[in-house]
Each structure stands twice: as structure tokens, then as C-alpha cells.
Amino acid sequence: MTPGELFILSAPSGAGKTTLIQNLVNGRFSDLGGLAFSVSHTTRQPRQGEIDDRDYHFVDHATFLGMIEADAFLEWAKVHDNYYGTSRQEVFPRLERGIDVLLDIDVQGAEQVVSKVPEAHGIFVLPPGYEALERRLRGRGLDDDGTIARRLAVSVGEVNRYDRYRYVIINDDARRASEALAAIILEKRYRRERMQLRIQEILRDFQDRSQIPPT
């Protein structure tokens, strides 16, 4: 079986990557099939509307630290007094079954993943500008002014690391950005190397049938 592809999606907070992922997994591009979203572990408290094991695996600090000790994470980081991480079990068993996996992680986590899985495909989502990002952060209604200011300050360093990614999507239109993300995934699926097993089956079929006398 041909292994699946690993895709890394990173963006400043508020740039809209969650919407792009929802469009792929549950929205207008959900018929792509064969794509799994890796659910991260975190020690932070669930926000309103978030569901355990769908949005995050919510765990306590002791559990998270135990997983670090057991080398259970592909990547992990401490951000704003909370831990976030991608478990190996969310990724490698799926890849081995030929399923593509999409990670939603920050630039720090992406660097850890690429150091271990250099063939992973990095995709960076840029907002159309600073003011647009600030407007989106305030429009979400999730954070107070201090948190928004901190997220905007962090975003300056994040956007300047776009050049560490193979692809860049400017999210000035959610539909167009979703199409771009879907196109990147499809392009990787239809590379000749990825299609080789299926190609060989078709060639064998032609070879076998070409030797059958016509009726």
C-alpha cells in the first residue's frame, strides 16, 4: 500500500485556517475522501462550543507530561502557560494505511515535524493584512484586549517565517483559499509515484485483455 501524505497547515491565530480545515473535512470539499484531521492534545480548558476528541484531546498537565516522558508526541510546545502537542498515534497509523493526514500546528510545531518527517508538505496561510487579522480576532469574540494584543504581536514573527513552507495561501477569500488548499492536496495525490500501484493494475488489465482473441 502506498503511504498517505502528511500536510502541515500553519497560520497566525485568526487567519482563518480552522474554516479552511472545516471546508475540507466537513464542507464543500469533504468528498475528497481519504483525508484525516489530526486532533491535537492540549492542557487548556475547552472554549464554548468545543468538544473533547473532536476539537482537541483535552487532558490535564500530569497526563500531558507523562506523554512527553513516553515520547508519545510527534511535536509539542508550551504556549501561554498551556501545552499543545500532536501525538504519534494521530499520524503514523493513518499514513501507513494510505490515509492523508492534515496537521493544524504553529510554526514552532511545524519545524519539529519537518525535522522528523522531511517529506511533509508545509502550507502557510497568510491573512491579507495586519488590520484584517486584528478585525478577525476581535470579530471572533473569544479573547480580551490583552490576549488579542499578544496574538497580534506573535503574528509579526510568524508571518516572517512563511519562507519555511512549500506553499503559501493568502486567505482574502475563504472560498478561493479553500480551493487552493484542496488543489494542493489533490496535486500530491495524483503524482505518478503516488499513483503507481493503481497504474500497474490498469496496465496489467490492458496486457491481459489485449491477449484475448476478439469475439
Protein backbone atom coordinates (compact mmCIF):
# COMPACT_ATOMS: atom_id res chain seq x y z
CA MET A 1 0.00 0.00 0.00
CA THR A 2 1.22 3.48 -0.87
CA PRO A 3 1.60 5.58 2.32
CA GLY A 4 -0.51 8.68 2.81
CA GLU A 5 0.79 12.22 2.59
CA LEU A 6 1.38 14.44 5.62
CA PHE A 7 0.23 18.05 5.30
CA ILE A 8 1.11 20.78 7.80
CA LEU A 9 -1.13 23.86 7.94
CA SER A 10 0.12 26.86 9.91
CA ALA A 11 -1.11 30.42 10.26
CA PRO A 12 -1.28 33.26 12.77
CA SER A 13 -4.22 32.97 15.13
CA GLY A 14 -7.27 34.43 13.40
CA ALA A 15 -6.02 33.93 9.83
CA GLY A 16 -8.86 31.51 9.10
CA LYS A 17 -7.18 28.11 8.91
CA THR A 18 -9.91 26.50 11.03
CA THR A 19 -12.50 27.47 8.42
CA LEU A 20 -10.33 26.04 5.66
CA ILE A 21 -9.99 22.75 7.55
CA GLN A 22 -13.75 22.57 8.16
CA ASN A 23 -14.37 23.09 4.44
CA LEU A 24 -12.07 20.16 3.69
CA VAL A 25 -13.27 17.76 6.36
CA ASN A 26 -16.97 18.60 6.66
CA GLY A 27 -17.77 21.19 3.99
CA ARG A 28 -17.85 21.54 0.24
CA PHE A 29 -14.59 19.62 -0.25
CA SER A 30 -15.41 16.75 2.12
CA ASP A 31 -15.89 14.43 -0.86
CA LEU A 32 -12.12 14.42 -1.34
CA GLY A 33 -12.12 11.42 1.00
CA GLY A 34 -9.05 9.71 2.42
CA LEU A 35 -8.13 12.77 4.50
CA ALA A 36 -7.96 12.77 8.29
CA PHE A 37 -7.60 15.79 10.54
CA SER A 38 -5.15 15.19 13.36
CA VAL A 39 -6.70 16.22 16.68
CA SER A 40 -4.11 17.77 18.97
CA HIS A 41 -3.74 17.31 22.71
CA THR A 42 -3.88 20.34 24.97
CA THR A 43 -3.96 21.20 28.65
CA ARG A 44 -6.02 24.36 28.19
CA GLN A 45 -9.68 24.47 29.09
CA PRO A 46 -12.30 23.96 26.35
CA ARG A 47 -13.80 27.10 24.88
CA GLN A 48 -17.53 27.46 24.43
CA GLY A 49 -18.74 25.00 21.79
CA GLU A 50 -15.56 22.91 21.72
CA ILE A 51 -15.96 19.16 22.09
CA ASP A 52 -13.40 16.77 23.55
CA ASP A 53 -11.83 14.43 20.98
CA ARG A 54 -13.27 16.49 18.11
CA ASP A 55 -11.63 19.90 18.52
CA TYR A 56 -8.88 18.79 20.91
CA HIS A 57 -8.00 15.95 23.23
CA PHE A 58 -8.32 17.90 26.50
CA VAL A 59 -6.02 16.44 29.15
CA ASP A 60 -4.53 17.60 32.44
CA HIS A 61 -0.91 18.61 32.90
CA ALA A 62 0.08 15.32 34.51
CA THR A 63 -1.25 13.32 31.57
CA PHE A 64 0.47 15.56 29.04
CA LEU A 65 3.81 15.44 30.87
CA GLY A 66 3.52 11.66 31.05
CA MET A 67 3.06 11.51 27.29
CA ILE A 68 6.17 13.66 26.82
CA GLU A 69 8.12 11.26 29.02
CA ALA A 70 6.86 8.32 26.95
CA ASP A 71 7.89 10.08 23.69
CA ALA A 72 4.26 9.89 22.55
CA PHE A 73 4.34 13.21 20.68
CA LEU A 74 5.49 13.97 17.16
CA GLU A 75 5.70 17.60 18.28
CA TRP A 76 4.74 19.59 21.34
CA ALA A 77 5.16 23.05 22.80
CA LYS A 78 4.19 25.18 25.76
CA VAL A 79 2.23 28.25 24.67
CA HIS A 80 0.78 30.86 27.05
CA ASP A 81 1.12 28.53 30.08
CA ASN A 82 -0.59 25.61 28.34
CA TYR A 83 0.79 22.61 26.48
CA TYR A 84 -0.15 21.62 22.93
CA GLY A 85 1.02 18.55 21.04
CA THR A 86 0.43 16.14 18.17
CA SER A 87 0.53 12.50 19.22
CA ARG A 88 2.27 9.97 17.00
CA GLN A 89 -0.85 7.78 17.13
CA GLU A 90 -2.87 10.50 15.41
CA VAL A 91 -0.48 10.46 12.44
CA PHE A 92 1.60 7.39 11.64
CA PRO A 93 -1.03 4.60 11.77
CA ARG A 94 -3.14 6.58 9.30
CA LEU A 95 -0.25 7.28 6.96
CA GLU A 96 0.60 3.57 6.96
CA ARG A 97 -2.98 2.80 5.86
CA GLY A 98 -2.66 5.20 2.92
CA ILE A 99 -4.71 7.97 4.55
CA ASP A 100 -3.58 11.57 4.13
CA VAL A 101 -3.23 13.47 7.41
CA LEU A 102 -3.65 17.21 7.96
CA LEU A 103 -1.98 18.88 10.94
CA ASP A 104 -3.08 22.26 12.30
CA ILE A 105 0.00 23.45 14.18
CA ASP A 106 2.02 26.62 14.72
CA VAL A 107 5.38 27.40 13.16
CA GLN A 108 7.29 26.03 16.14
CA GLY A 109 5.50 22.70 15.92
CA ALA A 110 5.87 22.61 12.14
CA GLU A 111 9.64 22.86 12.45
CA GLN A 112 9.68 19.90 14.83
CA VAL A 113 7.57 17.80 12.46
CA VAL A 114 9.65 18.62 9.37
CA SER A 115 12.82 17.70 11.24
CA LYS A 116 11.34 14.22 11.80
CA VAL A 117 9.26 13.86 8.62
CA PRO A 118 11.12 15.90 5.97
CA GLU A 119 8.77 14.75 3.21
CA ALA A 120 5.82 16.52 4.90
CA HIS A 121 4.20 19.30 2.89
CA GLY A 122 4.15 22.67 4.66
CA ILE A 123 1.34 25.12 3.86
CA PHE A 124 1.27 28.61 5.38
CA VAL A 125 -1.91 30.69 5.48
CA LEU A 126 -1.39 34.45 5.40
CA PRO A 127 -4.08 36.98 6.26
CA PRO A 128 -4.48 39.77 3.69
CA GLY A 129 -3.02 42.29 6.12
CA TYR A 130 -2.48 43.29 9.75
CA GLU A 131 -5.74 45.22 10.05
CA ALA A 132 -7.71 42.32 8.58
CA LEU A 133 -6.18 39.96 11.14
CA GLU A 134 -6.99 42.31 14.02
CA ARG A 135 -10.54 42.68 12.74
CA ARG A 136 -10.99 38.91 12.59
CA LEU A 137 -9.58 38.38 16.07
CA ARG A 138 -11.95 40.96 17.53
CA GLY A 139 -14.87 39.65 15.49
CA ARG A 140 -14.48 36.15 16.94
CA GLY A 141 -15.34 37.46 20.41
CA LEU A 142 -13.14 34.82 22.04
CA ASP A 143 -10.38 36.94 23.59
CA ASP A 144 -9.98 40.04 25.71
CA ASP A 145 -7.95 43.04 24.53
CA GLY A 146 -4.77 41.85 26.22
CA THR A 147 -4.94 38.42 24.57
CA ILE A 148 -5.64 39.98 21.17
CA ALA A 149 -2.66 42.29 21.55
CA ARG A 150 -0.47 39.33 22.45
CA ARG A 151 -1.70 37.31 19.46
CA LEU A 152 -1.04 40.22 17.10
CA ALA A 153 2.48 40.65 18.50
CA VAL A 154 3.19 36.94 17.98
CA SER A 155 1.78 37.10 14.44
CA VAL A 156 4.53 39.51 13.33
CA GLY A 157 7.17 36.85 13.94
CA GLU A 158 5.01 34.09 12.48
CA VAL A 159 4.30 35.74 9.12
CA ASN A 160 8.02 36.32 8.62
CA ARG A 161 8.60 32.58 8.73
CA TYR A 162 6.40 31.89 5.70
CA ASP A 163 9.51 31.04 3.66
CA ARG A 164 9.97 27.80 5.62
CA TYR A 165 6.85 26.42 3.94
CA ARG A 166 6.48 24.93 0.47
CA TYR A 167 3.10 26.57 -0.20
CA VAL A 168 1.52 29.89 0.79
CA ILE A 169 -2.21 30.66 0.66
CA ILE A 170 -3.38 34.26 1.13
CA ASN A 171 -6.77 33.99 2.79
CA ASP A 172 -8.50 37.07 1.39
CA ASP A 173 -11.47 34.97 0.26
CA ALA A 174 -12.45 31.82 2.15
CA ARG A 175 -13.83 30.00 -0.88
CA ARG A 176 -10.80 30.69 -3.04
CA ALA A 177 -8.42 29.79 -0.20
CA SER A 178 -10.28 26.51 0.39
CA GLU A 179 -10.00 25.69 -3.31
CA ALA A 180 -6.26 26.36 -3.18
CA LEU A 181 -5.83 24.05 -0.19
CA ALA A 182 -7.85 21.29 -1.88
CA ALA A 183 -5.78 21.73 -5.07
CA ILE A 184 -2.52 21.26 -3.16
CA ILE A 185 -3.78 18.02 -1.63
CA LEU A 186 -5.06 16.71 -4.96
CA GLU A 187 -1.82 17.58 -6.73
CA LYS A 188 0.12 15.40 -4.31
CA ARG A 189 -2.34 12.54 -4.66
CA TYR A 190 -2.07 12.46 -8.44
CA ARG A 191 1.70 12.42 -8.72
CA ARG A 192 2.86 9.47 -10.78
CA GLU A 193 4.73 7.98 -7.82
CA ARG A 194 1.60 8.04 -5.65
CA MET A 195 -0.50 6.52 -8.44
CA GLN A 196 1.99 3.78 -9.30
CA LEU A 197 0.12 0.83 -7.76
CA ARG A 198 -3.11 1.75 -9.47
CA ILE A 199 -1.27 2.38 -12.73
CA GLN A 200 0.25 -1.10 -12.61
CA GLU A 201 -3.18 -2.66 -12.09
CA ILE A 202 -4.52 -0.85 -15.17
CA LEU A 203 -1.50 -1.81 -17.28
CA ARG A 204 -1.90 -5.46 -16.29
CA ASP A 205 -5.57 -5.29 -17.24
CA PHE A 206 -4.68 -3.93 -20.68
CA GLN A 207 -1.97 -6.56 -21.11
CA ASP A 208 -4.28 -9.42 -20.12
CA ARG A 209 -7.22 -8.27 -22.24
CA SER A 210 -5.13 -7.47 -25.28
CA GLN A 211 -4.20 -11.16 -25.47
CA ILE A 212 -7.83 -12.33 -25.54
CA PRO A 213 -8.97 -13.00 -29.14
CA PRO A 214 -11.88 -10.75 -30.19
CA THR A 215 -15.29 -12.40 -30.30
